[in-house]
Amino acid sequence: MNRAEAERRGRFAEQLAAIWLRLHGWRILAQRVRVRGGEVDLIARRGRTLAFVEVKARSSDDAADMALDRYRLRRVAVAAERLAPRYMRDGDALRIDAMFIVPRRLPRHLPDVWQG
């Protein structure tokens, strides 16, 4: 897969993840936010929970399970740390979630995947 196709596939996966989250009561606050040292695919809120969401599109469940490593999560954590003051309210719980998009499967949402 070339870079342009991978980019297109990633954007499509992020849109699917955003739709899935909305259907489950989340409000999408931002998409594809980059800061120095990190980036986050989706920033979402449901009630008092603020989630920074990493989205991974893979061809199989096994590939999806291997797609999220400590390095990638660290980049999301850096972005979350820098972006939290912009999106957090008093009393919010902050977490980093992952969404896996695999063909012919429902999206899989894993809450609170980063413990630092």
N, C-alpha and C. Protein backbone atom coordinates (compact mmCIF):
# COMPACT_ATOMS: atom_id res chain seq x y z
N MET A 1 0.85 -1.17 0.00
CA MET A 1 0.00 0.00 0.00
C MET A 1 0.90 1.24 0.00
N ASN A 2 0.61 2.18 -0.90
CA ASN A 2 1.42 3.39 -0.94
C ASN A 2 0.94 4.39 0.12
N ARG A 3 1.71 5.45 0.29
CA ARG A 3 1.45 6.43 1.35
C ARG A 3 0.08 7.10 1.21
N ALA A 4 -0.29 7.46 -0.01
CA ALA A 4 -1.58 8.13 -0.23
C ALA A 4 -2.74 7.20 0.12
N GLU A 5 -2.62 5.95 -0.26
CA GLU A 5 -3.67 4.98 0.06
C GLU A 5 -3.75 4.74 1.56
N ALA A 6 -2.61 4.66 2.22
CA ALA A 6 -2.59 4.47 3.67
C ALA A 6 -3.23 5.67 4.38
N GLU A 7 -2.95 6.87 3.87
CA GLU A 7 -3.54 8.09 4.43
C GLU A 7 -5.06 8.06 4.27
N ARG A 8 -5.53 7.68 3.09
CA ARG A 8 -6.96 7.61 2.82
C ARG A 8 -7.63 6.58 3.73
N ARG A 9 -6.99 5.44 3.88
CA ARG A 9 -7.52 4.37 4.73
C ARG A 9 -7.58 4.82 6.19
N GLY A 10 -6.55 5.53 6.63
CA GLY A 10 -6.53 6.04 8.00
C GLY A 10 -7.62 7.05 8.27
N ARG A 11 -7.84 7.95 7.33
CA ARG A 11 -8.90 8.94 7.49
C ARG A 11 -10.28 8.28 7.51
N PHE A 12 -10.47 7.28 6.66
CA PHE A 12 -11.74 6.55 6.64
C PHE A 12 -11.96 5.84 7.98
N ALA A 13 -10.92 5.22 8.51
CA ALA A 13 -11.03 4.53 9.80
C ALA A 13 -11.37 5.53 10.92
N GLU A 14 -10.78 6.70 10.88
CA GLU A 14 -11.07 7.71 11.89
C GLU A 14 -12.52 8.17 11.80
N GLN A 15 -13.03 8.29 10.58
CA GLN A 15 -14.44 8.67 10.42
C GLN A 15 -15.36 7.58 10.98
N LEU A 16 -15.05 6.32 10.68
CA LEU A 16 -15.85 5.21 11.23
C LEU A 16 -15.80 5.20 12.75
N ALA A 17 -14.62 5.41 13.31
CA ALA A 17 -14.48 5.43 14.76
C ALA A 17 -15.29 6.57 15.37
N ALA A 18 -15.26 7.73 14.73
CA ALA A 18 -16.03 8.88 15.23
C ALA A 18 -17.52 8.58 15.19
N ILE A 19 -18.00 7.97 14.12
CA ILE A 19 -19.42 7.61 14.02
C ILE A 19 -19.78 6.62 15.13
N TRP A 20 -18.94 5.60 15.32
CA TRP A 20 -19.18 4.59 16.35
C TRP A 20 -19.27 5.23 17.74
N LEU A 21 -18.32 6.12 18.02
CA LEU A 21 -18.34 6.79 19.32
C LEU A 21 -19.59 7.64 19.48
N ARG A 22 -19.97 8.37 18.45
CA ARG A 22 -21.20 9.19 18.52
C ARG A 22 -22.42 8.32 18.80
N LEU A 23 -22.49 7.17 18.15
CA LEU A 23 -23.61 6.26 18.36
C LEU A 23 -23.65 5.73 19.79
N HIS A 24 -22.53 5.79 20.47
CA HIS A 24 -22.44 5.32 21.85
C HIS A 24 -22.38 6.48 22.86
N GLY A 25 -22.86 7.63 22.44
CA GLY A 25 -23.04 8.74 23.36
C GLY A 25 -21.87 9.69 23.53
N TRP A 26 -20.83 9.54 22.72
CA TRP A 26 -19.68 10.43 22.80
C TRP A 26 -19.88 11.63 21.88
N ARG A 27 -19.31 12.75 22.27
CA ARG A 27 -19.27 13.94 21.42
C ARG A 27 -17.83 14.11 20.95
N ILE A 28 -17.62 14.23 19.66
CA ILE A 28 -16.28 14.40 19.11
C ILE A 28 -15.93 15.89 19.18
N LEU A 29 -14.86 16.18 19.90
CA LEU A 29 -14.43 17.57 20.08
C LEU A 29 -13.41 17.99 19.04
N ALA A 30 -12.58 17.05 18.59
CA ALA A 30 -11.53 17.38 17.61
C ALA A 30 -11.06 16.10 16.94
N GLN A 31 -10.52 16.26 15.74
CA GLN A 31 -9.95 15.15 15.00
C GLN A 31 -8.58 15.54 14.49
N ARG A 32 -7.68 14.55 14.46
CA ARG A 32 -6.33 14.72 13.92
C ARG A 32 -5.63 15.97 14.45
N VAL A 33 -5.37 15.98 15.73
CA VAL A 33 -4.73 17.12 16.35
C VAL A 33 -3.25 16.79 16.58
N ARG A 34 -2.39 17.67 16.10
CA ARG A 34 -0.95 17.48 16.25
C ARG A 34 -0.38 18.59 17.10
N VAL A 35 0.53 18.20 17.97
CA VAL A 35 1.28 19.14 18.78
C VAL A 35 2.73 18.69 18.75
N ARG A 36 3.63 19.52 19.24
CA ARG A 36 5.03 19.14 19.28
C ARG A 36 5.18 17.86 20.11
N GLY A 37 5.73 16.83 19.50
CA GLY A 37 6.00 15.59 20.23
C GLY A 37 4.90 14.55 20.20
N GLY A 38 3.75 14.88 19.60
CA GLY A 38 2.69 13.87 19.58
C GLY A 38 1.50 14.27 18.74
N GLU A 39 0.58 13.33 18.64
CA GLU A 39 -0.65 13.59 17.91
C GLU A 39 -1.73 12.66 18.44
N VAL A 40 -2.96 13.06 18.19
CA VAL A 40 -4.10 12.26 18.63
C VAL A 40 -5.12 12.26 17.49
N ASP A 41 -5.73 11.09 17.25
CA ASP A 41 -6.68 10.96 16.15
C ASP A 41 -8.02 11.59 16.48
N LEU A 42 -8.56 11.32 17.67
CA LEU A 42 -9.85 11.86 18.08
C LEU A 42 -9.79 12.32 19.53
N ILE A 43 -10.47 13.41 19.81
CA ILE A 43 -10.69 13.83 21.19
C ILE A 43 -12.20 13.78 21.39
N ALA A 44 -12.63 13.02 22.39
CA ALA A 44 -14.06 12.80 22.58
C ALA A 44 -14.45 12.99 24.04
N ARG A 45 -15.70 13.36 24.24
CA ARG A 45 -16.23 13.56 25.59
C ARG A 45 -17.56 12.82 25.72
N ARG A 46 -17.71 12.17 26.87
CA ARG A 46 -19.01 11.61 27.25
C ARG A 46 -19.16 11.87 28.74
N GLY A 47 -20.10 12.75 29.08
CA GLY A 47 -20.27 13.14 30.48
C GLY A 47 -19.01 13.82 30.99
N ARG A 48 -18.47 13.28 32.08
CA ARG A 48 -17.28 13.85 32.70
C ARG A 48 -16.00 13.13 32.28
N THR A 49 -16.08 12.31 31.22
CA THR A 49 -14.90 11.60 30.73
C THR A 49 -14.41 12.24 29.44
N LEU A 50 -13.15 12.59 29.43
CA LEU A 50 -12.49 13.13 28.25
C LEU A 50 -11.51 12.08 27.76
N ALA A 51 -11.69 11.63 26.52
CA ALA A 51 -10.85 10.57 25.97
C ALA A 51 -10.05 11.07 24.78
N PHE A 52 -8.77 10.73 24.78
CA PHE A 52 -7.90 10.95 23.64
C PHE A 52 -7.77 9.59 22.98
N VAL A 53 -8.22 9.48 21.73
CA VAL A 53 -8.42 8.18 21.09
C VAL A 53 -7.45 7.97 19.94
N GLU A 54 -6.71 6.86 19.99
CA GLU A 54 -5.85 6.43 18.89
C GLU A 54 -6.63 5.42 18.07
N VAL A 55 -6.71 5.65 16.76
CA VAL A 55 -7.47 4.78 15.86
C VAL A 55 -6.48 4.01 14.99
N LYS A 56 -6.69 2.70 14.91
CA LYS A 56 -5.84 1.84 14.07
C LYS A 56 -6.72 1.02 13.14
N ALA A 57 -6.43 1.09 11.85
CA ALA A 57 -7.11 0.27 10.84
C ALA A 57 -6.15 -0.82 10.41
N ARG A 58 -6.58 -2.05 10.50
CA ARG A 58 -5.74 -3.18 10.10
C ARG A 58 -6.61 -4.19 9.36
N SER A 59 -5.96 -5.10 8.66
CA SER A 59 -6.67 -6.07 7.82
C SER A 59 -7.21 -7.26 8.59
N SER A 60 -6.74 -7.47 9.83
CA SER A 60 -7.21 -8.60 10.62
C SER A 60 -7.18 -8.25 12.11
N ASP A 61 -7.88 -9.04 12.90
CA ASP A 61 -7.86 -8.84 14.35
C ASP A 61 -6.45 -9.00 14.91
N ASP A 62 -5.71 -10.00 14.41
CA ASP A 62 -4.34 -10.21 14.88
C ASP A 62 -3.45 -9.01 14.58
N ALA A 63 -3.58 -8.48 13.37
CA ALA A 63 -2.78 -7.31 13.00
C ALA A 63 -3.16 -6.10 13.85
N ALA A 64 -4.44 -5.97 14.14
CA ALA A 64 -4.90 -4.86 14.98
C ALA A 64 -4.32 -4.97 16.38
N ASP A 65 -4.30 -6.18 16.91
CA ASP A 65 -3.76 -6.38 18.26
C ASP A 65 -2.29 -5.98 18.35
N MET A 66 -1.57 -6.10 17.26
CA MET A 66 -0.14 -5.78 17.24
C MET A 66 0.14 -4.32 16.85
N ALA A 67 -0.89 -3.58 16.44
CA ALA A 67 -0.70 -2.24 15.88
C ALA A 67 -0.37 -1.16 16.89
N LEU A 68 -0.73 -1.39 18.13
CA LEU A 68 -0.57 -0.35 19.13
C LEU A 68 0.57 -0.73 20.08
N ASP A 69 1.66 -0.01 19.96
CA ASP A 69 2.80 -0.30 20.82
C ASP A 69 3.06 0.88 21.76
N ARG A 70 4.00 0.69 22.64
CA ARG A 70 4.31 1.71 23.65
C ARG A 70 4.74 3.04 23.01
N TYR A 71 5.49 2.99 21.92
CA TYR A 71 5.94 4.21 21.25
C TYR A 71 4.73 5.03 20.76
N ARG A 72 3.80 4.38 20.09
CA ARG A 72 2.62 5.09 19.57
C ARG A 72 1.77 5.64 20.70
N LEU A 73 1.59 4.84 21.73
CA LEU A 73 0.81 5.31 22.88
C LEU A 73 1.50 6.49 23.57
N ARG A 74 2.81 6.48 23.61
CA ARG A 74 3.53 7.58 24.24
C ARG A 74 3.30 8.88 23.47
N ARG A 75 3.24 8.80 22.15
CA ARG A 75 2.96 10.01 21.34
C ARG A 75 1.57 10.55 21.63
N VAL A 76 0.60 9.66 21.82
CA VAL A 76 -0.75 10.10 22.18
C VAL A 76 -0.74 10.70 23.58
N ALA A 77 0.00 10.09 24.50
CA ALA A 77 0.08 10.60 25.87
C ALA A 77 0.69 12.00 25.91
N VAL A 78 1.72 12.23 25.10
CA VAL A 78 2.33 13.56 25.03
C VAL A 78 1.31 14.57 24.51
N ALA A 79 0.60 14.20 23.47
CA ALA A 79 -0.42 15.10 22.92
C ALA A 79 -1.52 15.36 23.95
N ALA A 80 -1.96 14.31 24.63
CA ALA A 80 -3.01 14.46 25.64
C ALA A 80 -2.57 15.42 26.75
N GLU A 81 -1.33 15.27 27.18
CA GLU A 81 -0.80 16.14 28.23
C GLU A 81 -0.81 17.60 27.80
N ARG A 82 -0.46 17.84 26.55
CA ARG A 82 -0.39 19.22 26.05
C ARG A 82 -1.76 19.78 25.69
N LEU A 83 -2.69 18.92 25.30
CA LEU A 83 -4.01 19.38 24.88
C LEU A 83 -5.04 19.39 26.01
N ALA A 84 -4.80 18.66 27.07
CA ALA A 84 -5.77 18.54 28.16
C ALA A 84 -6.25 19.89 28.69
N PRO A 85 -5.34 20.85 28.93
CA PRO A 85 -5.83 22.13 29.47
C PRO A 85 -6.86 22.81 28.55
N ARG A 86 -6.78 22.55 27.27
CA ARG A 86 -7.70 23.17 26.32
C ARG A 86 -9.09 22.53 26.38
N TYR A 87 -9.17 21.24 26.71
CA TYR A 87 -10.43 20.51 26.62
C TYR A 87 -11.01 20.07 27.96
N MET A 88 -10.20 20.01 29.01
CA MET A 88 -10.68 19.51 30.30
C MET A 88 -11.51 20.54 31.05
N ARG A 89 -12.46 20.01 31.82
CA ARG A 89 -13.24 20.83 32.74
C ARG A 89 -12.96 20.32 34.15
N ASP A 90 -13.26 21.13 35.13
CA ASP A 90 -13.09 20.67 36.52
C ASP A 90 -13.88 19.40 36.74
N GLY A 91 -13.25 18.42 37.38
CA GLY A 91 -13.92 17.17 37.70
C GLY A 91 -13.89 16.13 36.60
N ASP A 92 -13.26 16.43 35.48
CA ASP A 92 -13.19 15.46 34.38
C ASP A 92 -12.21 14.32 34.70
N ALA A 93 -12.55 13.16 34.21
CA ALA A 93 -11.62 12.03 34.20
C ALA A 93 -11.00 12.01 32.81
N LEU A 94 -9.69 11.90 32.75
CA LEU A 94 -8.98 11.89 31.48
C LEU A 94 -8.44 10.49 31.23
N ARG A 95 -8.56 10.02 29.98
CA ARG A 95 -8.01 8.71 29.66
C ARG A 95 -7.61 8.66 28.19
N ILE A 96 -6.81 7.65 27.87
CA ILE A 96 -6.40 7.39 26.49
C ILE A 96 -7.02 6.06 26.09
N ASP A 97 -7.78 6.11 24.99
CA ASP A 97 -8.49 4.94 24.48
C ASP A 97 -7.91 4.55 23.13
N ALA A 98 -8.24 3.34 22.69
CA ALA A 98 -7.87 2.88 21.35
C ALA A 98 -9.12 2.37 20.66
N MET A 99 -9.16 2.56 19.35
CA MET A 99 -10.24 2.02 18.51
C MET A 99 -9.57 1.25 17.39
N PHE A 100 -10.03 0.01 17.18
CA PHE A 100 -9.51 -0.82 16.11
C PHE A 100 -10.59 -1.02 15.06
N ILE A 101 -10.23 -0.74 13.81
CA ILE A 101 -11.14 -0.88 12.69
C ILE A 101 -10.60 -2.01 11.81
N VAL A 102 -11.38 -3.07 11.67
CA VAL A 102 -11.01 -4.25 10.90
C VAL A 102 -12.16 -4.56 9.94
N PRO A 103 -11.88 -4.85 8.67
CA PRO A 103 -12.95 -5.15 7.72
C PRO A 103 -13.88 -6.28 8.21
N ARG A 104 -15.14 -6.11 7.94
CA ARG A 104 -16.19 -7.09 8.26
C ARG A 104 -16.31 -7.37 9.75
N ARG A 105 -15.91 -6.41 10.57
CA ARG A 105 -16.04 -6.51 12.03
C ARG A 105 -16.56 -5.18 12.56
N LEU A 106 -17.27 -5.24 13.67
CA LEU A 106 -17.66 -3.99 14.33
C LEU A 106 -16.41 -3.35 14.91
N PRO A 107 -16.38 -2.03 14.96
CA PRO A 107 -15.24 -1.37 15.59
C PRO A 107 -15.07 -1.86 17.03
N ARG A 108 -13.83 -1.95 17.46
CA ARG A 108 -13.53 -2.40 18.82
C ARG A 108 -12.94 -1.22 19.59
N HIS A 109 -13.60 -0.83 20.67
CA HIS A 109 -13.19 0.30 21.49
C HIS A 109 -12.59 -0.23 22.78
N LEU A 110 -11.32 0.10 23.01
CA LEU A 110 -10.64 -0.30 24.24
C LEU A 110 -10.41 0.94 25.10
N PRO A 111 -11.12 1.06 26.21
CA PRO A 111 -10.94 2.24 27.07
C PRO A 111 -9.69 2.15 27.92
N ASP A 112 -9.12 3.30 28.20
CA ASP A 112 -8.05 3.45 29.19
C ASP A 112 -6.88 2.50 28.95
N VAL A 113 -6.27 2.61 27.75
CA VAL A 113 -5.17 1.71 27.39
C VAL A 113 -3.79 2.18 27.86
N TRP A 114 -3.71 3.38 28.37
CA TRP A 114 -2.41 3.92 28.79
C TRP A 114 -2.40 4.17 30.30
N GLN A 115 -1.47 3.54 30.96
CA GLN A 115 -1.32 3.75 32.39
C GLN A 115 0.00 4.47 32.71
N GLY A 116 0.67 4.94 31.68
CA GLY A 116 1.90 5.71 31.88
C GLY A 116 3.03 4.84 32.21
